[in-house]
């Protein structure tokens, strides 16, 4: 049961990461998404820029330990994504780059939405 709970938290976590990074694209169709996506993107940028570990990582690790598995060090991106793309692991420079990518992507979509609204 604990493995299933850890996997569920991981799925929610990855969904949240995708929403924080790409959710602005949903605002092209549904404007009300902005009220959820802007705080999600801000949280993602904060976590990456500050080096904070997202609480969802701690929850996932809790369930993994309860299931008898080992917890992992660092954050979700560092463990699942960055470790695959960057074998040396997550560095502060990579975290800043990821946060900047989220910011630039979202600002670009929102700037385009504002421009579209004015014309």
PDB file of N, CA and C in Angstrom:
ATOM      1  N   UNK A   1       0.826  -1.191   0.000  1.00  0.00           N
ATOM      2  CA  UNK A   1       0.000   0.000   0.000  1.00  0.00           C
ATOM      3  C   UNK A   1       0.879   1.268   0.000  1.00  0.00           C
ATOM      4  N   UNK A   2       1.973   1.264   0.769  1.00  0.00           N
ATOM      5  CA  UNK A   2       2.818   2.453   0.851  1.00  0.00           C
ATOM      6  C   UNK A   2       3.527   2.752  -0.467  1.00  0.00           C
ATOM      7  N   UNK A   3       3.878   1.711  -1.212  1.00  0.00           N
ATOM      8  CA  UNK A   3       4.496   1.928  -2.523  1.00  0.00           C
ATOM      9  C   UNK A   3       3.490   2.613  -3.446  1.00  0.00           C
ATOM     10  N   UNK A   4       2.255   2.162  -3.400  1.00  0.00           N
ATOM     11  CA  UNK A   4       1.212   2.782  -4.227  1.00  0.00           C
ATOM     12  C   UNK A   4       0.998   4.246  -3.837  1.00  0.00           C
ATOM     13  N   UNK A   5       1.012   4.520  -2.549  1.00  0.00           N
ATOM     14  CA  UNK A   5       0.860   5.906  -2.097  1.00  0.00           C
ATOM     15  C   UNK A   5       2.046   6.761  -2.547  1.00  0.00           C
ATOM     16  N   UNK A   6       3.256   6.221  -2.441  1.00  0.00           N
ATOM     17  CA  UNK A   6       4.442   6.959  -2.898  1.00  0.00           C
ATOM     18  C   UNK A   6       4.355   7.224  -4.392  1.00  0.00           C
ATOM     19  N   UNK A   7       3.928   6.227  -5.161  1.00  0.00           N
ATOM     20  CA  UNK A   7       3.786   6.411  -6.610  1.00  0.00           C
ATOM     21  C   UNK A   7       2.707   7.432  -6.941  1.00  0.00           C
ATOM     22  N   UNK A   8       1.622   7.433  -6.162  1.00  0.00           N
ATOM     23  CA  UNK A   8       0.556   8.419  -6.376  1.00  0.00           C
ATOM     24  C   UNK A   8       1.062   9.836  -6.097  1.00  0.00           C
ATOM     25  N   UNK A   9       1.825   9.996  -5.007  1.00  0.00           N
ATOM     26  CA  UNK A   9       2.392  11.311  -4.696  1.00  0.00           C
ATOM     27  C   UNK A   9       3.347  11.729  -5.810  1.00  0.00           C
ATOM     28  N   UNK A  10       4.145  10.796  -6.307  1.00  0.00           N
ATOM     29  CA  UNK A  10       5.052  11.100  -7.411  1.00  0.00           C
ATOM     30  C   UNK A  10       4.275  11.560  -8.640  1.00  0.00           C
ATOM     31  N   UNK A  11       3.181  10.881  -8.971  1.00  0.00           N
ATOM     32  CA  UNK A  11       2.371  11.265 -10.128  1.00  0.00           C
ATOM     33  C   UNK A  11       1.790  12.667  -9.956  1.00  0.00           C
ATOM     34  N   UNK A  12       1.279  12.954  -8.767  1.00  0.00           N
ATOM     35  CA  UNK A  12       0.753  14.299  -8.484  1.00  0.00           C
ATOM     36  C   UNK A  12       1.877  15.333  -8.584  1.00  0.00           C
ATOM     37  N   UNK A  13       3.037  14.994  -8.040  1.00  0.00           N
ATOM     38  CA  UNK A  13       4.183  15.901  -8.051  1.00  0.00           C
ATOM     39  C   UNK A  13       4.619  16.219  -9.481  1.00  0.00           C
ATOM     40  N   UNK A  14       4.749  15.186 -10.304  1.00  0.00           N
ATOM     41  CA  UNK A  14       5.144  15.410 -11.691  1.00  0.00           C
ATOM     42  C   UNK A  14       4.073  16.190 -12.455  1.00  0.00           C
ATOM     43  N   UNK A  15       2.810  15.906 -12.159  1.00  0.00           N
ATOM     44  CA  UNK A  15       1.729  16.684 -12.766  1.00  0.00           C
ATOM     45  C   UNK A  15       1.807  18.150 -12.372  1.00  0.00           C
ATOM     46  N   UNK A  16       2.109  18.395 -11.098  1.00  0.00           N
ATOM     47  CA  UNK A  16       2.253  19.773 -10.626  1.00  0.00           C
ATOM     48  C   UNK A  16       3.420  20.465 -11.328  1.00  0.00           C
ATOM     49  N   UNK A  17       4.528  19.762 -11.482  1.00  0.00           N
ATOM     50  CA  UNK A  17       5.691  20.343 -12.162  1.00  0.00           C
ATOM     51  C   UNK A  17       5.328  20.710 -13.602  1.00  0.00           C
ATOM     52  N   UNK A  18       4.647  19.810 -14.294  1.00  0.00           N
ATOM     53  CA  UNK A  18       4.227  20.111 -15.665  1.00  0.00           C
ATOM     54  C   UNK A  18       3.270  21.296 -15.711  1.00  0.00           C
ATOM     55  N   UNK A  19       2.337  21.340 -14.759  1.00  0.00           N
ATOM     56  CA  UNK A  19       1.393  22.453 -14.707  1.00  0.00           C
ATOM     57  C   UNK A  19       2.108  23.765 -14.427  1.00  0.00           C
ATOM     58  N   UNK A  20       3.074  23.748 -13.514  1.00  0.00           N
ATOM     59  CA  UNK A  20       3.831  24.963 -13.198  1.00  0.00           C
ATOM     60  C   UNK A  20       4.619  25.440 -14.410  1.00  0.00           C
ATOM     61  N   UNK A  21       5.166  24.510 -15.166  1.00  0.00           N
ATOM     62  CA  UNK A  21       5.994  24.873 -16.319  1.00  0.00           C
ATOM     63  C   UNK A  21       5.174  25.213 -17.551  1.00  0.00           C
ATOM     64  N   UNK A  22       4.139  24.453 -17.815  1.00  0.00           N
ATOM     65  CA  UNK A  22       3.408  24.581 -19.080  1.00  0.00           C
ATOM     66  C   UNK A  22       1.955  25.001 -18.933  1.00  0.00           C
ATOM     67  N   UNK A  23       1.496  25.166 -17.709  1.00  0.00           N
ATOM     68  CA  UNK A  23       0.090  25.484 -17.472  1.00  0.00           C
ATOM     69  C   UNK A  23      -0.361  26.790 -18.076  1.00  0.00           C
ATOM     70  N   UNK A  24       0.574  27.700 -18.306  1.00  0.00           N
ATOM     71  CA  UNK A  24       0.193  28.969 -18.942  1.00  0.00           C
ATOM     72  C   UNK A  24      -0.409  28.720 -20.316  1.00  0.00           C
ATOM     73  N   UNK A  25       0.008  27.646 -20.961  1.00  0.00           N
ATOM     74  CA  UNK A  25      -0.563  27.318 -22.270  1.00  0.00           C
ATOM     75  C   UNK A  25      -2.055  26.997 -22.165  1.00  0.00           C
ATOM     76  N   UNK A  26      -2.484  26.464 -21.034  1.00  0.00           N
ATOM     77  CA  UNK A  26      -3.910  26.201 -20.825  1.00  0.00           C
ATOM     78  C   UNK A  26      -4.711  27.498 -20.765  1.00  0.00           C
ATOM     79  N   UNK A  27      -4.055  28.568 -20.343  1.00  0.00           N
ATOM     80  CA  UNK A  27      -4.733  29.866 -20.253  1.00  0.00           C
ATOM     81  C   UNK A  27      -5.083  30.408 -21.624  1.00  0.00           C
ATOM     82  N   UNK A  28      -4.449  29.893 -22.645  1.00  0.00           N
ATOM     83  CA  UNK A  28      -4.821  30.300 -24.002  1.00  0.00           C
ATOM     84  C   UNK A  28      -6.255  29.904 -24.298  1.00  0.00           C
ATOM     85  N   UNK A  29      -6.702  28.820 -23.707  1.00  0.00           N
ATOM     86  CA  UNK A  29      -8.068  28.337 -23.914  1.00  0.00           C
ATOM     87  C   UNK A  29      -8.991  28.719 -22.755  1.00  0.00           C
ATOM     88  N   UNK A  30      -8.496  28.551 -21.523  1.00  0.00           N
ATOM     89  CA  UNK A  30      -9.302  28.799 -20.336  1.00  0.00           C
ATOM     90  C   UNK A  30      -8.616  29.850 -19.471  1.00  0.00           C
ATOM     91  N   UNK A  31      -9.104  31.056 -19.496  1.00  0.00           N
ATOM     92  CA  UNK A  31      -8.473  32.177 -18.791  1.00  0.00           C
ATOM     93  C   UNK A  31      -8.424  31.995 -17.267  1.00  0.00           C
ATOM     94  N   UNK A  32      -9.388  31.299 -16.717  1.00  0.00           N
ATOM     95  CA  UNK A  32      -9.450  31.135 -15.263  1.00  0.00           C
ATOM     96  C   UNK A  32      -8.301  30.286 -14.709  1.00  0.00           C
ATOM     97  N   UNK A  33      -7.636  29.566 -15.578  1.00  0.00           N
ATOM     98  CA  UNK A  33      -6.487  28.761 -15.161  1.00  0.00           C
ATOM     99  C   UNK A  33      -5.395  29.654 -14.582  1.00  0.00           C
ATOM    100  N   UNK A  34      -5.377  30.916 -15.009  1.00  0.00           N
ATOM    101  CA  UNK A  34      -4.358  31.851 -14.530  1.00  0.00           C
ATOM    102  C   UNK A  34      -4.293  31.913 -13.018  1.00  0.00           C
ATOM    103  N   UNK A  35      -5.442  31.845 -12.366  1.00  0.00           N
ATOM    104  CA  UNK A  35      -5.496  31.991 -10.909  1.00  0.00           C
ATOM    105  C   UNK A  35      -4.871  30.802 -10.182  1.00  0.00           C
ATOM    106  N   UNK A  36      -4.760  29.680 -10.848  1.00  0.00           N
ATOM    107  CA  UNK A  36      -4.079  28.524 -10.272  1.00  0.00           C
ATOM    108  C   UNK A  36      -2.636  28.412 -10.766  1.00  0.00           C
ATOM    109  N   UNK A  37      -2.447  28.753 -12.037  1.00  0.00           N
ATOM    110  CA  UNK A  37      -1.145  28.529 -12.633  1.00  0.00           C
ATOM    111  C   UNK A  37      -0.093  29.524 -12.167  1.00  0.00           C
ATOM    112  N   UNK A  38      -0.456  30.779 -12.002  1.00  0.00           N
ATOM    113  CA  UNK A  38       0.526  31.776 -11.566  1.00  0.00           C
ATOM    114  C   UNK A  38       1.112  31.415 -10.193  1.00  0.00           C
ATOM    115  N   UNK A  39       0.291  31.067  -9.196  1.00  0.00           N
ATOM    116  CA  UNK A  39       0.896  30.641  -7.924  1.00  0.00           C
ATOM    117  C   UNK A  39       1.717  29.351  -8.059  1.00  0.00           C
ATOM    118  N   UNK A  40       1.275  28.431  -8.914  1.00  0.00           N
ATOM    119  CA  UNK A  40       2.038  27.188  -9.110  1.00  0.00           C
ATOM    120  C   UNK A  40       3.405  27.492  -9.718  1.00  0.00           C
ATOM    121  N   UNK A  41       3.427  28.353 -10.726  1.00  0.00           N
ATOM    122  CA  UNK A  41       4.700  28.729 -11.346  1.00  0.00           C
ATOM    123  C   UNK A  41       5.580  29.478 -10.351  1.00  0.00           C
ATOM    124  N   UNK A  42       4.983  30.361  -9.567  1.00  0.00           N
ATOM    125  CA  UNK A  42       5.753  31.110  -8.564  1.00  0.00           C
ATOM    126  C   UNK A  42       6.367  30.153  -7.546  1.00  0.00           C
ATOM    127  N   UNK A  43       5.605  29.154  -7.118  1.00  0.00           N
ATOM    128  CA  UNK A  43       6.135  28.167  -6.181  1.00  0.00           C
ATOM    129  C   UNK A  43       7.300  27.400  -6.821  1.00  0.00           C
ATOM    130  N   UNK A  44       7.134  26.966  -8.065  1.00  0.00           N
ATOM    131  CA  UNK A  44       8.196  26.240  -8.755  1.00  0.00           C
ATOM    132  C   UNK A  44       9.461  27.065  -8.888  1.00  0.00           C
ATOM    133  N   UNK A  45       9.292  28.335  -9.231  1.00  0.00           N
ATOM    134  CA  UNK A  45      10.442  29.232  -9.357  1.00  0.00           C
ATOM    135  C   UNK A  45      11.106  29.414  -7.994  1.00  0.00           C
ATOM    136  N   UNK A  46      10.306  29.605  -6.953  1.00  0.00           N
ATOM    137  CA  UNK A  46      10.849  29.759  -5.598  1.00  0.00           C
ATOM    138  C   UNK A  46      11.643  28.521  -5.177  1.00  0.00           C
ATOM    139  N   UNK A  47      11.074  27.344  -5.382  1.00  0.00           N
ATOM    140  CA  UNK A  47      11.742  26.106  -4.973  1.00  0.00           C
ATOM    141  C   UNK A  47      13.076  25.962  -5.691  1.00  0.00           C
ATOM    142  N   UNK A  48      13.091  26.233  -6.995  1.00  0.00           N
ATOM    143  CA  UNK A  48      14.335  26.091  -7.747  1.00  0.00           C
ATOM    144  C   UNK A  48      15.352  27.158  -7.364  1.00  0.00           C
ATOM    145  N   UNK A  49      14.902  28.385  -7.186  1.00  0.00           N
ATOM    146  CA  UNK A  49      15.836  29.480  -6.886  1.00  0.00           C
ATOM    147  C   UNK A  49      16.381  29.415  -5.466  1.00  0.00           C
ATOM    148  N   UNK A  50      15.574  28.918  -4.541  1.00  0.00           N
ATOM    149  CA  UNK A  50      15.992  28.901  -3.136  1.00  0.00           C
ATOM    150  C   UNK A  50      16.699  27.612  -2.733  1.00  0.00           C
ATOM    151  N   UNK A  51      16.570  26.582  -3.560  1.00  0.00           N
ATOM    152  CA  UNK A  51      17.151  25.293  -3.203  1.00  0.00           C
ATOM    153  C   UNK A  51      16.330  24.534  -2.179  1.00  0.00           C
ATOM    154  N   UNK A  52      15.111  24.988  -1.939  1.00  0.00           N
ATOM    155  CA  UNK A  52      14.193  24.345  -1.002  1.00  0.00           C
ATOM    156  C   UNK A  52      13.733  23.007  -1.576  1.00  0.00           C
ATOM    157  N   UNK A  53      13.447  22.082  -0.704  1.00  0.00           N
ATOM    158  CA  UNK A  53      12.877  20.804  -1.132  1.00  0.00           C
ATOM    159  C   UNK A  53      11.354  20.914  -1.028  1.00  0.00           C
ATOM    160  N   UNK A  54      10.672  20.575  -2.100  1.00  0.00           N
ATOM    161  CA  UNK A  54       9.204  20.626  -2.124  1.00  0.00           C
ATOM    162  C   UNK A  54       8.641  19.637  -1.105  1.00  0.00           C
ATOM    163  N   UNK A  55       7.596  20.016  -0.392  1.00  0.00           N
ATOM    164  CA  UNK A  55       6.992  19.100   0.591  1.00  0.00           C
ATOM    165  C   UNK A  55       6.508  17.781  -0.018  1.00  0.00           C
ATOM    166  N   UNK A  56       6.147  17.787  -1.281  1.00  0.00           N
ATOM    167  CA  UNK A  56       5.710  16.539  -1.909  1.00  0.00           C
ATOM    168  C   UNK A  56       6.837  15.513  -1.968  1.00  0.00           C
ATOM    169  N   UNK A  57       8.073  15.974  -2.082  1.00  0.00           N
ATOM    170  CA  UNK A  57       9.222  15.062  -2.060  1.00  0.00           C
ATOM    171  C   UNK A  57       9.321  14.374  -0.710  1.00  0.00           C
ATOM    172  N   UNK A  58       9.139  15.141   0.359  1.00  0.00           N
ATOM    173  CA  UNK A  58       9.195  14.562   1.706  1.00  0.00           C
ATOM    174  C   UNK A  58       8.071  13.545   1.925  1.00  0.00           C
ATOM    175  N   UNK A  59       6.896  13.851   1.410  1.00  0.00           N
ATOM    176  CA  UNK A  59       5.760  12.935   1.554  1.00  0.00           C
ATOM    177  C   UNK A  59       6.033  11.641   0.789  1.00  0.00           C
ATOM    178  N   UNK A  60       6.542  11.770  -0.438  1.00  0.00           N
ATOM    179  CA  UNK A  60       6.866  10.581  -1.218  1.00  0.00           C
ATOM    180  C   UNK A  60       7.921   9.734  -0.495  1.00  0.00           C
ATOM    181  N   UNK A  61       8.982  10.380  -0.010  1.00  0.00           N
ATOM    182  CA  UNK A  61      10.030   9.650   0.712  1.00  0.00           C
ATOM    183  C   UNK A  61       9.484   8.970   1.967  1.00  0.00           C
ATOM    184  N   UNK A  62       8.575   9.627   2.659  1.00  0.00           N
ATOM    185  CA  UNK A  62       7.955   9.036   3.855  1.00  0.00           C
ATOM    186  C   UNK A  62       7.289   7.710   3.489  1.00  0.00           C
ATOM    187  N   UNK A  63       6.504   7.727   2.418  1.00  0.00           N
ATOM    188  CA  UNK A  63       5.811   6.504   2.011  1.00  0.00           C
ATOM    189  C   UNK A  63       6.799   5.443   1.517  1.00  0.00           C
ATOM    190  N   UNK A  64       7.849   5.849   0.839  1.00  0.00           N
ATOM    191  CA  UNK A  64       8.851   4.890   0.365  1.00  0.00           C
ATOM    192  C   UNK A  64       9.546   4.210   1.554  1.00  0.00           C
ATOM    193  N   UNK A  65       9.899   4.984   2.569  1.00  0.00           N
ATOM    194  CA  UNK A  65      10.542   4.416   3.762  1.00  0.00           C
ATOM    195  C   UNK A  65       9.580   3.470   4.470  1.00  0.00           C
ATOM    196  N   UNK A  66       8.323   3.867   4.587  1.00  0.00           N
ATOM    197  CA  UNK A  66       7.309   3.010   5.236  1.00  0.00           C
ATOM    198  C   UNK A  66       7.131   1.687   4.475  1.00  0.00           C
ATOM    199  N   UNK A  67       7.373   1.725   3.159  1.00  0.00           N
ATOM    200  CA  UNK A  67       7.258   0.517   2.343  1.00  0.00           C
ATOM    201  C   UNK A  67       8.527  -0.333   2.404  1.00  0.00           C
ATOM    202  N   UNK A  68       9.559   0.158   3.116  1.00  0.00           N
ATOM    203  CA  UNK A  68      10.793  -0.598   3.231  1.00  0.00           C
ATOM    204  C   UNK A  68      11.814  -0.266   2.161  1.00  0.00           C
ATOM    205  N   UNK A  69      11.555   0.761   1.382  1.00  0.00           N
ATOM    206  CA  UNK A  69      12.501   1.206   0.358  1.00  0.00           C
ATOM    207  C   UNK A  69      13.347   2.350   0.907  1.00  0.00           C
ATOM    208  N   UNK A  70      14.404   2.649   0.192  1.00  0.00           N
ATOM    209  CA  UNK A  70      15.269   3.755   0.607  1.00  0.00           C
ATOM    210  C   UNK A  70      14.699   5.076   0.109  1.00  0.00           C
ATOM    211  N   UNK A  71      14.805   6.097   0.929  1.00  0.00           N
ATOM    212  CA  UNK A  71      14.446   7.452   0.501  1.00  0.00           C
ATOM    213  C   UNK A  71      15.589   7.981  -0.348  1.00  0.00           C
ATOM    214  N   UNK A  72      15.299   8.955  -1.178  1.00  0.00           N
ATOM    215  CA  UNK A  72      16.366   9.545  -1.978  1.00  0.00           C
ATOM    216  C   UNK A  72      16.724  10.922  -1.446  1.00  0.00           C
ATOM    217  N   UNK A  73      17.937  11.332  -1.754  1.00  0.00           N
ATOM    218  CA  UNK A  73      18.443  12.646  -1.342  1.00  0.00           C
ATOM    219  C   UNK A  73      18.006  13.697  -2.350  1.00  0.00           C
ATOM    220  N   UNK A  74      17.859  14.915  -1.900  1.00  0.00           N
ATOM    221  CA  UNK A  74      17.571  16.022  -2.819  1.00  0.00           C
ATOM    222  C   UNK A  74      16.112  16.121  -3.186  1.00  0.00           C
ATOM    223  N   UNK A  75      15.869  16.744  -4.336  1.00  0.00           N
ATOM    224  CA  UNK A  75      14.496  17.003  -4.750  1.00  0.00           C
ATOM    225  C   UNK A  75      14.035  16.040  -5.839  1.00  0.00           C
ATOM    226  N   UNK A  76      12.755  16.149  -6.181  1.00  0.00           N
ATOM    227  CA  UNK A  76      12.133  15.264  -7.160  1.00  0.00           C
ATOM    228  C   UNK A  76      12.808  15.405  -8.522  1.00  0.00           C
ATOM    229  N   UNK A  77      12.994  16.630  -8.992  1.00  0.00           N
ATOM    230  CA  UNK A  77      13.645  16.835 -10.288  1.00  0.00           C
ATOM    231  C   UNK A  77      15.054  16.269 -10.278  1.00  0.00           C
ATOM    232  N   UNK A  78      15.766  16.518  -9.212  1.00  0.00           N
ATOM    233  CA  UNK A  78      17.127  16.021  -9.116  1.00  0.00           C
ATOM    234  C   UNK A  78      17.191  14.507  -9.148  1.00  0.00           C
ATOM    235  N   UNK A  79      16.230  13.871  -8.521  1.00  0.00           N
ATOM    236  CA  UNK A  79      16.243  12.408  -8.451  1.00  0.00           C
ATOM    237  C   UNK A  79      15.766  11.761  -9.748  1.00  0.00           C
ATOM    238  N   UNK A  80      14.647  12.208 -10.284  1.00  0.00           N
ATOM    239  CA  UNK A  80      14.034  11.539 -11.421  1.00  0.00           C
ATOM    240  C   UNK A  80      14.447  12.096 -12.775  1.00  0.00           C
ATOM    241  N   UNK A  81      14.543  13.400 -12.892  1.00  0.00           N
ATOM    242  CA  UNK A  81      14.774  13.990 -14.204  1.00  0.00           C
ATOM    243  C   UNK A  81      16.226  14.399 -14.408  1.00  0.00           C
ATOM    244  N   UNK A  82      16.732  15.227 -13.557  1.00  0.00           N
ATOM    245  CA  UNK A  82      18.066  15.771 -13.745  1.00  0.00           C
ATOM    246  C   UNK A  82      19.129  14.680 -13.678  1.00  0.00           C
ATOM    247  N   UNK A  83      18.945  13.692 -12.828  1.00  0.00           N
ATOM    248  CA  UNK A  83      19.924  12.615 -12.726  1.00  0.00           C
ATOM    249  C   UNK A  83      20.051  11.858 -14.048  1.00  0.00           C
ATOM    250  N   UNK A  84      18.967  11.823 -14.818  1.00  0.00           N
ATOM    251  CA  UNK A  84      19.002  11.172 -16.121  1.00  0.00           C
ATOM    252  C   UNK A  84      19.652  12.073 -17.164  1.00  0.00           C
ATOM    253  N   UNK A  85      19.286  13.350 -17.148  1.00  0.00           N
ATOM    254  CA  UNK A  85      19.797  14.279 -18.151  1.00  0.00           C
ATOM    255  C   UNK A  85      21.221  14.718 -17.825  1.00  0.00           C
ATOM    256  N   UNK A  86      21.479  14.980 -16.559  1.00  0.00           N
ATOM    257  CA  UNK A  86      22.790  15.443 -16.107  1.00  0.00           C
ATOM    258  C   UNK A  86      23.341  14.435 -15.107  1.00  0.00           C
ATOM    259  N   UNK A  87      24.118  13.472 -15.549  1.00  0.00           N
ATOM    260  CA  UNK A  87      24.579  12.403 -14.661  1.00  0.00           C
ATOM    261  C   UNK A  87      25.304  12.881 -13.403  1.00  0.00           C
ATOM    262  N   UNK A  88      25.917  14.059 -13.441  1.00  0.00           N
ATOM    263  CA  UNK A  88      26.619  14.543 -12.260  1.00  0.00           C
ATOM    264  C   UNK A  88      25.666  15.021 -11.178  1.00  0.00           C
ATOM    265  N   UNK A  89      24.396  15.138 -11.478  1.00  0.00           N
ATOM    266  CA  UNK A  89      23.416  15.550 -10.478  1.00  0.00           C
ATOM    267  C   UNK A  89      23.044  17.017 -10.588  1.00  0.00           C
ATOM    268  N   UNK A  90      22.158  17.401  -9.732  1.00  0.00           N
ATOM    269  CA  UNK A  90      21.606  18.742  -9.727  1.00  0.00           C
ATOM    270  C   UNK A  90      22.565  19.716  -9.057  1.00  0.00           C
ATOM    271  N   UNK A  91      22.873  20.790  -9.761  1.00  0.00           N
ATOM    272  CA  UNK A  91      23.715  21.846  -9.188  1.00  0.00           C
ATOM    273  C   UNK A  91      22.874  23.097  -9.020  1.00  0.00           C
ATOM    274  N   UNK A  92      23.380  24.058  -8.284  1.00  0.00           N
ATOM    275  CA  UNK A  92      22.659  25.325  -8.098  1.00  0.00           C
ATOM    276  C   UNK A  92      22.476  26.030  -9.440  1.00  0.00           C
ATOM    277  N   UNK A  93      23.462  25.983 -10.310  1.00  0.00           N
ATOM    278  CA  UNK A  93      23.329  26.629 -11.621  1.00  0.00           C
ATOM    279  C   UNK A  93      22.198  26.004 -12.432  1.00  0.00           C
ATOM    280  N   UNK A  94      22.078  24.689 -12.376  1.00  0.00           N
ATOM    281  CA  UNK A  94      20.992  24.021 -13.078  1.00  0.00           C
ATOM    282  C   UNK A  94      19.651  24.411 -12.463  1.00  0.00           C
ATOM    283  N   UNK A  95      19.598  24.500 -11.135  1.00  0.00           N
ATOM    284  CA  UNK A  95      18.353  24.913 -10.485  1.00  0.00           C
ATOM    285  C   UNK A  95      17.958  26.315 -10.917  1.00  0.00           C
ATOM    286  N   UNK A  96      18.921  27.231 -10.971  1.00  0.00           N
ATOM    287  CA  UNK A  96      18.617  28.589 -11.435  1.00  0.00           C
ATOM    288  C   UNK A  96      18.132  28.566 -12.887  1.00  0.00           C
ATOM    289  N   UNK A  97      18.762  27.754 -13.710  1.00  0.00           N
ATOM    290  CA  UNK A  97      18.356  27.663 -15.112  1.00  0.00           C
ATOM    291  C   UNK A  97      16.940  27.109 -15.236  1.00  0.00           C
ATOM    292  N   UNK A  98      16.607  26.088 -14.443  1.00  0.00           N
ATOM    293  CA  UNK A  98      15.256  25.529 -14.481  1.00  0.00           C
ATOM    294  C   UNK A  98      14.219  26.556 -14.026  1.00  0.00           C
ATOM    295  N   UNK A  99      14.530  27.273 -12.963  1.00  0.00           N
ATOM    296  CA  UNK A  99      13.622  28.325 -12.497  1.00  0.00           C
ATOM    297  C   UNK A  99      13.459  29.412 -13.539  1.00  0.00           C
ATOM    298  N   UNK A 100      14.553  29.807 -14.181  1.00  0.00           N
ATOM    299  CA  UNK A 100      14.490  30.836 -15.231  1.00  0.00           C
ATOM    300  C   UNK A 100      13.679  30.340 -16.425  1.00  0.00           C
ATOM    301  N   UNK A 101      13.825  29.073 -16.757  1.00  0.00           N
ATOM    302  CA  UNK A 101      13.050  28.507 -17.860  1.00  0.00           C
ATOM    303  C   UNK A 101      11.556  28.576 -17.574  1.00  0.00           C
ATOM    304  N   UNK A 102      11.161  28.221 -16.359  1.00  0.00           N
ATOM    305  CA  UNK A 102       9.742  28.309 -15.970  1.00  0.00           C
ATOM    306  C   UNK A 102       9.266  29.754 -16.071  1.00  0.00           C
ATOM    307  N   UNK A 103      10.068  30.685 -15.564  1.00  0.00           N
ATOM    308  CA  UNK A 103       9.694  32.100 -15.594  1.00  0.00           C
ATOM    309  C   UNK A 103       9.573  32.612 -17.025  1.00  0.00           C
ATOM    310  N   UNK A 104      10.553  32.337 -17.858  1.00  0.00           N
ATOM    311  CA  UNK A 104      10.550  32.826 -19.240  1.00  0.00           C
ATOM    312  C   UNK A 104       9.395  32.236 -20.033  1.00  0.00           C
ATOM    313  N   UNK A 105       9.175  30.945 -19.891  1.00  0.00           N
ATOM    314  CA  UNK A 105       8.082  30.310 -20.614  1.00  0.00           C
ATOM    315  C   UNK A 105       6.739  30.915 -20.232  1.00  0.00           C
ATOM    316  N   UNK A 106       6.509  31.053 -18.935  1.00  0.00           N
ATOM    317  CA  UNK A 106       5.228  31.591 -18.487  1.00  0.00           C
ATOM    318  C   UNK A 106       5.072  33.061 -18.847  1.00  0.00           C
ATOM    319  N   UNK A 107       6.103  33.863 -18.659  1.00  0.00           N
ATOM    320  CA  UNK A 107       6.015  35.275 -19.026  1.00  0.00           C
ATOM    321  C   UNK A 107       5.765  35.450 -20.520  1.00  0.00           C
ATOM    322  N   UNK A 108       6.360  34.602 -21.329  1.00  0.00           N
ATOM    323  CA  UNK A 108       6.145  34.679 -22.777  1.00  0.00           C
ATOM    324  C   UNK A 108       4.695  34.415 -23.132  1.00  0.00           C
ATOM    325  N   UNK A 109       4.115  33.386 -22.549  1.00  0.00           N
ATOM    326  CA  UNK A 109       2.711  33.074 -22.839  1.00  0.00           C
ATOM    327  C   UNK A 109       1.808  34.180 -22.328  1.00  0.00           C
ATOM    328  N   UNK A 110       2.062  34.684 -21.115  1.00  0.00           N
ATOM    329  CA  UNK A 110       1.221  35.736 -20.575  1.00  0.00           C
ATOM    330  C   UNK A 110       1.376  37.044 -21.348  1.00  0.00           C
ATOM    331  N   UNK A 111       2.555  37.346 -21.816  1.00  0.00           N
ATOM    332  CA  UNK A 111       2.754  38.545 -22.649  1.00  0.00           C
ATOM    333  C   UNK A 111       1.980  38.406 -23.947  1.00  0.00           C
ATOM    334  N   UNK A 112       2.001  37.218 -24.535  1.00  0.00           N
ATOM    335  CA  UNK A 112       1.253  36.992 -25.757  1.00  0.00           C
ATOM    336  C   UNK A 112      -0.250  37.108 -25.507  1.00  0.00           C
ATOM    337  N   UNK A 113      -0.723  36.593 -24.368  1.00  0.00           N
ATOM    338  CA  UNK A 113      -2.135  36.725 -24.016  1.00  0.00           C
ATOM    339  C   UNK A 113      -2.546  38.179 -23.851  1.00  0.00           C
ATOM    340  N   UNK A 114      -1.710  38.978 -23.178  1.00  0.00           N
ATOM    341  CA  UNK A 114      -1.994  40.401 -23.023  1.00  0.00           C
ATOM    342  C   UNK A 114      -2.039  41.117 -24.363  1.00  0.00           C
ATOM    343  N   UNK A 115      -1.075  40.785 -25.211  1.00  0.00           N
ATOM    344  CA  UNK A 115      -1.035  41.383 -26.541  1.00  0.00           C
ATOM    345  C   UNK A 115      -2.288  41.011 -27.334  1.00  0.00           C
ATOM    346  N   UNK A 116      -2.679  39.766 -27.288  1.00  0.00           N
ATOM    347  CA  UNK A 116      -3.861  39.283 -27.983  1.00  0.00           C
ATOM    348  C   UNK A 116      -5.121  39.963 -27.457  1.00  0.00           C
ATOM    349  N   UNK A 117      -5.179  40.162 -26.164  1.00  0.00           N
ATOM    350  CA  UNK A 117      -6.359  40.788 -25.546  1.00  0.00           C
ATOM    351  C   UNK A 117      -6.500  42.253 -25.967  1.00  0.00           C
ATOM    352  N   UNK A 118      -5.361  42.935 -26.111  1.00  0.00           N
ATOM    353  CA  UNK A 118      -5.391  44.355 -26.479  1.00  0.00           C
ATOM    354  C   UNK A 118      -5.700  44.590 -27.942  1.00  0.00           C
ATOM    355  N   UNK A 119      -5.458  43.584 -28.781  1.00  0.00           N
ATOM    356  CA  UNK A 119      -5.706  43.766 -30.229  1.00  0.00           C
ATOM    357  C   UNK A 119      -7.008  43.162 -30.649  1.00  0.00           C
TER     358      UNK A 119
END
